[in-house]
Protein backbone atom coordinates (compact mmCIF):
# COMPACT_ATOMS: atom_id res chain seq x y z
CA UNK A 1 1.88 -9.90 -20.06
CA UNK A 2 5.00 -7.73 -20.29
CA UNK A 3 5.11 -4.30 -18.64
CA UNK A 4 5.18 -2.60 -22.06
CA UNK A 5 2.17 -4.60 -23.24
CA UNK A 6 0.37 -3.88 -19.99
CA UNK A 7 0.83 -0.13 -20.46
CA UNK A 8 -0.62 -0.42 -23.96
CA UNK A 9 -3.93 -1.61 -22.48
CA UNK A 10 -4.64 1.85 -21.04
CA UNK A 11 -4.40 5.37 -22.44
CA UNK A 12 -3.52 8.76 -20.97
CA UNK A 13 -7.09 9.45 -19.84
CA UNK A 14 -7.16 6.13 -17.97
CA UNK A 15 -3.90 7.05 -16.29
CA UNK A 16 -5.21 10.45 -15.22
CA UNK A 17 -8.32 8.84 -13.75
CA UNK A 18 -6.12 6.40 -11.83
CA UNK A 19 -3.89 9.26 -10.63
CA UNK A 20 -6.90 11.22 -9.37
CA UNK A 21 -8.23 8.21 -7.48
CA UNK A 22 -4.78 7.55 -6.03
CA UNK A 23 -4.97 11.02 -4.48
CA UNK A 24 -8.40 10.25 -3.08
CA UNK A 25 -10.17 6.98 -3.76
CA UNK A 26 -13.52 8.54 -2.79
CA UNK A 27 -13.10 11.81 -4.67
CA UNK A 28 -16.39 13.06 -6.17
CA UNK A 29 -16.66 12.36 -9.89
CA UNK A 30 -17.16 16.06 -10.51
CA UNK A 31 -13.69 16.78 -9.06
CA UNK A 32 -12.10 13.81 -10.85
CA UNK A 33 -13.60 14.94 -14.15
CA UNK A 34 -12.28 18.47 -13.72
CA UNK A 35 -8.69 17.32 -13.20
CA UNK A 36 -8.63 14.62 -15.86
CA UNK A 37 -10.20 16.80 -18.56
CA UNK A 38 -13.28 14.69 -19.27
CA UNK A 39 -16.96 14.57 -18.41
CA UNK A 40 -18.16 12.91 -15.22
CA UNK A 41 -19.82 10.18 -17.29
CA UNK A 42 -16.60 9.45 -19.16
CA UNK A 43 -14.52 9.38 -15.97
CA UNK A 44 -16.97 6.97 -14.34
CA UNK A 45 -17.06 4.77 -17.44
CA UNK A 46 -13.26 4.57 -17.58
CA UNK A 47 -13.09 3.65 -13.88
CA UNK A 48 -15.76 0.96 -14.30
CA UNK A 49 -13.93 -0.55 -17.28
CA UNK A 50 -10.60 -0.64 -15.44
CA UNK A 51 -12.23 -2.23 -12.41
CA UNK A 52 -14.08 -4.78 -14.54
CA UNK A 53 -10.80 -5.84 -16.15
CA UNK A 54 -9.19 -6.30 -12.75
CA UNK A 55 -6.66 -3.52 -13.33
CA UNK A 56 -7.90 -1.19 -10.61
CA UNK A 57 -9.54 -1.39 -7.22
CA UNK A 58 -10.32 1.24 -4.60
CA UNK A 59 -10.29 -0.21 -1.11
CA UNK A 60 -10.74 1.19 2.38
CA UNK A 61 -7.88 0.25 4.71
CA UNK A 62 -7.37 0.65 8.43
CA UNK A 63 -4.14 2.11 9.79
CA UNK A 64 -3.01 -0.62 12.18
CA UNK A 65 -1.12 1.58 14.62
CA UNK A 66 -4.25 3.70 15.23
CA UNK A 67 -6.50 0.75 16.03
CA UNK A 68 -6.26 -2.46 18.00
CA UNK A 69 -6.17 -4.38 14.73
CA UNK A 70 -2.61 -5.64 15.05
CA UNK A 71 0.86 -4.91 13.72
CA UNK A 72 2.79 -5.57 10.54
CA UNK A 73 5.64 -8.05 10.16
CA UNK A 74 7.59 -8.01 6.91
CA UNK A 75 9.10 -11.43 6.22
CA UNK A 76 11.96 -11.87 3.75
CA UNK A 77 11.98 -15.47 2.57
CA UNK A 78 14.34 -17.60 0.52
CA UNK A 79 12.58 -20.22 -1.60
CA UNK A 80 13.83 -23.59 -2.73
CA UNK A 81 15.17 -23.42 -6.30
CA UNK A 82 12.32 -23.24 -8.78
CA UNK A 83 9.63 -23.07 -6.07
CA UNK A 84 9.31 -19.30 -5.54
CA UNK A 85 6.08 -18.78 -7.47
CA UNK A 86 4.46 -21.78 -5.79
CA UNK A 87 5.50 -20.47 -2.38
CA UNK A 88 4.14 -17.00 -3.20
CA UNK A 89 0.78 -18.49 -4.20
CA UNK A 90 0.68 -20.47 -0.95
CA UNK A 91 1.46 -17.38 1.13
CA UNK A 92 -1.19 -15.34 -0.69
CA UNK A 93 -3.90 -17.79 0.34
CA UNK A 94 -3.34 -17.06 4.04
CA UNK A 95 -5.90 -14.71 5.65
CA UNK A 96 -3.07 -13.40 7.87
CA UNK A 97 -1.14 -12.10 4.85
CA UNK A 98 -1.97 -8.76 3.24
CA UNK A 99 0.97 -8.41 0.81
CA UNK A 100 3.13 -10.84 -1.19
CA UNK A 101 5.77 -9.96 -3.76
CA UNK A 102 8.15 -12.14 -5.75
CA UNK A 103 11.47 -10.32 -5.74
CA UNK A 104 15.07 -10.77 -6.80
CA UNK A 105 18.21 -9.92 -4.90
CA UNK A 106 18.99 -11.03 -1.34
CA UNK A 107 15.47 -12.50 -0.92
CA UNK A 108 13.03 -14.37 -3.15
CA UNK A 109 9.79 -13.32 -1.47
CA UNK A 110 8.56 -10.45 0.66
CA UNK A 111 5.48 -11.25 2.73
CA UNK A 112 3.57 -8.89 5.04
CA UNK A 113 1.83 -10.64 7.93
CA UNK A 114 -0.59 -8.86 10.27
CA UNK A 115 -0.51 -10.17 13.83
CA UNK A 116 -3.01 -9.11 16.47
CA UNK A 117 -0.72 -9.85 19.43
CA UNK A 118 2.37 -11.84 20.46
CA UNK A 119 0.46 -15.13 20.59
CA UNK A 120 -0.79 -14.50 17.07
CA UNK A 121 2.74 -13.68 15.92
CA UNK A 122 4.13 -16.91 17.40
CA UNK A 123 1.36 -18.92 15.75
CA UNK A 124 2.07 -17.40 12.33
CA UNK A 125 5.85 -17.75 12.51
CA UNK A 126 6.33 -21.02 14.39
CA UNK A 127 3.15 -23.07 13.98
CA UNK A 128 1.14 -22.01 10.93
CA UNK A 129 3.76 -20.48 8.63
CA UNK A 130 2.60 -21.27 5.08
CA UNK A 131 4.84 -22.95 2.48
CA UNK A 132 7.39 -24.22 5.00
CA UNK A 133 8.21 -27.09 2.63
CA UNK A 134 9.00 -24.60 -0.15
CA UNK A 135 11.26 -22.14 1.68
CA UNK A 136 14.74 -22.48 3.15
CA UNK A 137 14.98 -19.45 5.45
CA UNK A 138 13.11 -16.40 6.70
CA UNK A 139 13.98 -13.06 8.25
CA UNK A 140 11.31 -11.16 10.16
CA UNK A 141 11.31 -7.35 10.09
CA UNK A 142 8.52 -5.97 12.35
CA UNK A 143 7.24 -2.52 11.35
CA UNK A 144 6.95 -0.28 14.40
CA UNK A 145 6.03 3.11 12.90
CA UNK A 146 5.05 4.30 9.42
CA UNK A 147 6.53 7.49 7.99
CA UNK A 148 4.18 7.46 5.00
CA UNK A 149 1.63 5.03 3.59
CA UNK A 150 0.65 3.93 0.10
CA UNK A 151 -2.60 5.86 0.47
CA UNK A 152 -0.59 9.11 0.56
CA UNK A 153 1.47 8.43 -2.57
CA UNK A 154 1.18 11.01 -5.35
CA UNK A 155 1.90 9.60 -8.82
CA UNK A 156 2.92 13.04 -10.09
CA UNK A 157 0.73 12.62 -13.18
CA UNK A 158 -1.55 15.49 -12.16
CA UNK A 159 -0.64 19.05 -11.12
CA UNK A 160 0.21 19.70 -7.48
CA UNK A 161 -3.03 21.68 -7.19
CA UNK A 162 -4.96 18.47 -7.80
CA UNK A 163 -3.66 16.96 -4.58
CA UNK A 164 -4.60 20.09 -2.65
CA UNK A 165 -8.20 19.85 -3.86
CA UNK A 166 -8.77 16.12 -4.03
CA UNK A 167 -7.07 14.95 -0.86
CA UNK A 168 -9.28 14.73 2.23
CA UNK A 169 -8.22 15.14 5.84
CA UNK A 170 -4.63 15.29 7.06
CA UNK A 171 -1.79 15.69 4.59
CA UNK A 172 0.45 13.11 6.20
CA UNK A 173 0.28 10.26 8.73
CA UNK A 174 1.84 12.54 11.34
CA UNK A 175 -0.88 15.17 11.02
CA UNK A 176 -3.19 13.28 13.34
CA UNK A 177 -1.94 12.33 16.82
CA UNK A 178 -0.08 9.14 16.01
CA UNK A 179 1.30 8.91 19.53
CA UNK A 180 -2.16 8.48 21.02
CA UNK A 181 -3.05 5.02 22.29
CA UNK A 182 -4.82 2.84 19.69
CA UNK A 183 -8.59 2.89 19.94
CA UNK A 184 -10.82 -0.10 19.43
CA UNK A 185 -13.46 0.31 16.73
CA UNK A 186 -17.13 0.32 17.62
CA UNK A 187 -19.30 -2.44 16.08
CA UNK A 188 -20.65 0.04 13.52
CA UNK A 189 -17.15 1.23 12.62
CA UNK A 190 -16.06 -2.38 12.14
CA UNK A 191 -18.99 -3.04 9.83
CA UNK A 192 -18.26 0.07 7.78
CA UNK A 193 -14.56 -0.75 7.49
CA UNK A 194 -15.33 -4.31 6.36
CA UNK A 195 -17.75 -3.08 3.68
CA UNK A 196 -15.36 -0.41 2.38
CA UNK A 197 -12.54 -2.91 2.21
CA UNK A 198 -14.56 -4.65 -0.49
CA UNK A 199 -15.31 -1.44 -2.39
CA UNK A 200 -13.93 1.86 -1.15
CA UNK A 201 -16.26 3.90 -3.37
CA UNK A 202 -19.49 2.47 -1.95
CA UNK A 203 -21.88 5.36 -1.34
CA UNK A 204 -23.03 6.13 2.20
CA UNK A 205 -26.67 5.54 1.26
CA UNK A 206 -25.81 2.09 -0.13
CA UNK A 207 -23.73 1.28 2.96
CA UNK A 208 -26.59 2.29 5.24
CA UNK A 209 -29.07 0.02 3.42
CA UNK A 210 -26.61 -2.87 3.37
CA UNK A 211 -25.87 -2.54 7.08
CA UNK A 212 -29.49 -1.77 7.99
CA UNK A 213 -28.39 1.41 9.75
CA UNK A 214 -29.49 5.03 9.62
CA UNK A 215 -27.68 6.93 6.89
CA UNK A 216 -26.79 9.75 9.28
CA UNK A 217 -25.21 7.29 11.73
CA UNK A 218 -23.11 5.71 8.97
CA UNK A 219 -22.01 9.12 7.70
CA UNK A 220 -20.95 10.28 11.17
CA UNK A 221 -19.06 7.06 11.86
CA UNK A 222 -17.22 7.31 8.53
CA UNK A 223 -16.30 10.93 9.24
CA UNK A 224 -14.89 9.92 12.63
CA UNK A 225 -12.77 7.17 11.11
CA UNK A 226 -11.38 9.45 8.41
CA UNK A 227 -10.77 12.46 10.67
CA UNK A 228 -8.88 10.28 13.20
CA UNK A 229 -6.67 8.96 10.41
CA UNK A 230 -7.92 5.43 11.05
CA UNK A 231 -9.54 4.86 7.67
CA UNK A 232 -7.73 5.60 4.41
CA UNK A 233 -8.53 4.75 0.80
CA UNK A 234 -6.01 3.09 -1.46
CA UNK A 235 -6.15 2.70 -5.20
CA UNK A 236 -4.60 -0.66 -6.03
CA UNK A 237 -2.98 -0.69 -9.46
CA UNK A 238 0.15 -2.10 -11.06
CA UNK A 239 2.70 0.76 -11.15
CA UNK A 240 3.65 -0.30 -14.68
CA UNK A 241 0.27 1.00 -15.87
CA UNK A 242 1.36 4.46 -14.74
CA UNK A 243 4.80 4.30 -16.35
CA UNK A 244 6.82 3.04 -13.38
CA UNK A 245 8.81 0.05 -14.61
CA UNK A 246 11.05 -0.24 -11.54
CA UNK A 247 9.28 -1.38 -8.38
CA UNK A 248 11.47 -2.33 -5.46
CA UNK A 249 11.93 -2.37 -1.72
CA UNK A 250 14.78 -0.79 0.21
CA UNK A 251 16.08 -2.29 3.44
CA UNK A 252 18.23 0.17 5.34
CA UNK A 253 20.30 0.13 8.50
CA UNK A 254 20.42 3.63 10.00
CA UNK A 255 22.16 4.91 13.11
CA UNK A 256 19.42 5.00 15.80
CA UNK A 257 19.94 8.70 16.52
CA UNK A 258 19.50 9.54 12.82
CA UNK A 259 16.49 7.31 12.11
CA UNK A 260 13.86 10.05 12.42
CA UNK A 261 15.76 12.42 10.13
CA UNK A 262 16.47 9.70 7.56
CA UNK A 263 12.85 8.52 7.59
CA UNK A 264 11.44 11.98 7.06
CA UNK A 265 13.92 12.70 4.26
CA UNK A 266 13.22 9.49 2.35
CA UNK A 267 9.43 9.80 2.87
CA UNK A 268 9.52 13.06 0.88
CA UNK A 269 10.98 11.40 -2.22
CA UNK A 270 8.33 11.18 -4.99
CA UNK A 271 9.06 7.51 -5.58
CA UNK A 272 8.29 6.47 -1.99
CA UNK A 273 5.00 4.59 -1.73
CA UNK A 274 5.48 3.26 1.79
CA UNK A 275 8.16 3.81 4.41
CA UNK A 276 8.30 2.50 7.94
CA UNK A 277 10.66 2.23 10.88
CA UNK A 278 11.39 -1.35 11.88
CA UNK A 279 13.39 -3.48 14.28
CA UNK A 280 16.16 -5.95 13.58
CA UNK A 281 19.00 -5.82 11.07
CA UNK A 282 17.09 -3.25 9.02
CA UNK A 283 15.43 -0.39 10.88
CA UNK A 284 14.02 1.51 7.85
CA UNK A 285 12.00 -0.29 5.17
CA UNK A 286 10.43 1.22 2.07
CA UNK A 287 8.38 0.24 -0.98
CA UNK A 288 9.44 2.39 -3.95
CA UNK A 289 8.87 2.98 -7.65
CA UNK A 290 10.90 4.68 -10.39
CA UNK A 291 10.22 5.15 -14.11
CA UNK A 292 13.09 2.89 -15.28
CA UNK A 293 15.43 0.34 -13.78
CA UNK A 294 18.37 2.43 -14.97
CA UNK A 295 17.14 5.10 -12.53
CA UNK A 296 18.17 2.79 -9.69
CA UNK A 297 21.84 3.70 -10.13
CA UNK A 298 21.49 7.43 -9.39
CA UNK A 299 18.79 6.62 -6.81
CA UNK A 300 21.22 4.39 -4.92
CA UNK A 301 24.02 6.92 -4.91
CA UNK A 302 22.10 10.18 -4.64
CA UNK A 303 18.98 9.29 -2.64
CA UNK A 304 20.02 6.39 -0.42
CA UNK A 305 23.60 7.59 -0.25
CA UNK A 306 22.56 11.00 1.06
CA UNK A 307 20.55 9.68 4.02
CA UNK A 308 21.90 10.74 7.41
CA UNK A 309 23.33 7.94 9.52
CA UNK A 310 23.32 5.33 6.74
CA UNK A 311 25.21 2.17 7.79
CA UNK A 312 24.13 -0.37 5.16
CA UNK A 313 21.52 -0.80 2.44
CA UNK A 314 19.89 -3.56 0.43
CA UNK A 315 17.50 -3.47 -2.52
CA UNK A 316 15.09 -6.20 -3.66
CA UNK A 317 13.54 -5.74 -7.11
CA UNK A 318 9.91 -6.72 -7.63
CA UNK A 319 9.25 -9.31 -10.31
CA UNK A 320 5.54 -9.66 -9.50
CA UNK A 321 3.11 -8.51 -6.82
CA UNK A 322 0.84 -11.43 -5.99
CA UNK A 323 -1.22 -9.88 -3.19
CA UNK A 324 -1.61 -6.24 -2.22
CA UNK A 325 -3.67 -4.78 0.63
CA UNK A 326 -5.38 -8.17 1.16
CA UNK A 327 -6.27 -8.63 -2.53
CA UNK A 328 -4.74 -11.09 -4.96
CA UNK A 329 -3.47 -9.16 -7.97
CA UNK A 330 -3.53 -10.21 -11.61
CA UNK A 331 -2.80 -8.73 -14.97
CA UNK A 332 -5.70 -8.91 -17.37
CA UNK A 333 -5.05 -9.67 -21.01
């Protein structure tokens, strides 16, 4: 389905509901209803319909650098001619992969692997790399520090006051001590995180029954995870549904002494969904959206071009997102 046709499957109320849940995937329906201009029943019904059609999912995600859950490796891959979609499907089947996009530009695929340690990383890259018969080359870009995450992205479809009311906890990844050593999750915290990964809006009472735990214990454990910045809630949706036809990744080489300043500056741009410092040829990597592809020209010159310490830049345009935050994506008819 084309991006224009996809947008026609939802209306403005649907988009406002999505925008509210992007600000806080677990926002109370009373607050969502107030900001979208509908009753609680209507807001819930719209959400249920979008989820049933596979257009929307709220998922609980763990911030890797705050736990002992591993680290992210972005892999840029070149596919054999005509085999890119097949390679993307193969990558998406791997339990080690949480994100796969088919792109155009200097790479054909962007794949995000999560490795628990160096041994795990070597296994993924040198022993168990999927689709080796379908790709011709790879470039690994390990993420070493996020500047902002997709869970913090504001679509801009609701007033700024909505974010102030709906958003829980810290306003940015830096608001909670990121420099503290990662902490292992308790068994209960692991169980809660696994359940919320399936459905981020699962009520505490339902979680407690499912896990056969006391509701008060589950509530306290959830509060700890959220207050420590370990657990965040992401609303997974195709940006085209919200009017963003240009989805792309930027790969930047920044002077080391200017990396912090450049990262903070680019993280503030409204089109930045994710931005992280990395190692290798590119030391700043971002996942971005803009309303139109024609907006890329001024973005390149005015946004990227104004970054302090910029040495080189590359842009890969998304053609399709196959897997996002561990879930295979699809566009319903």
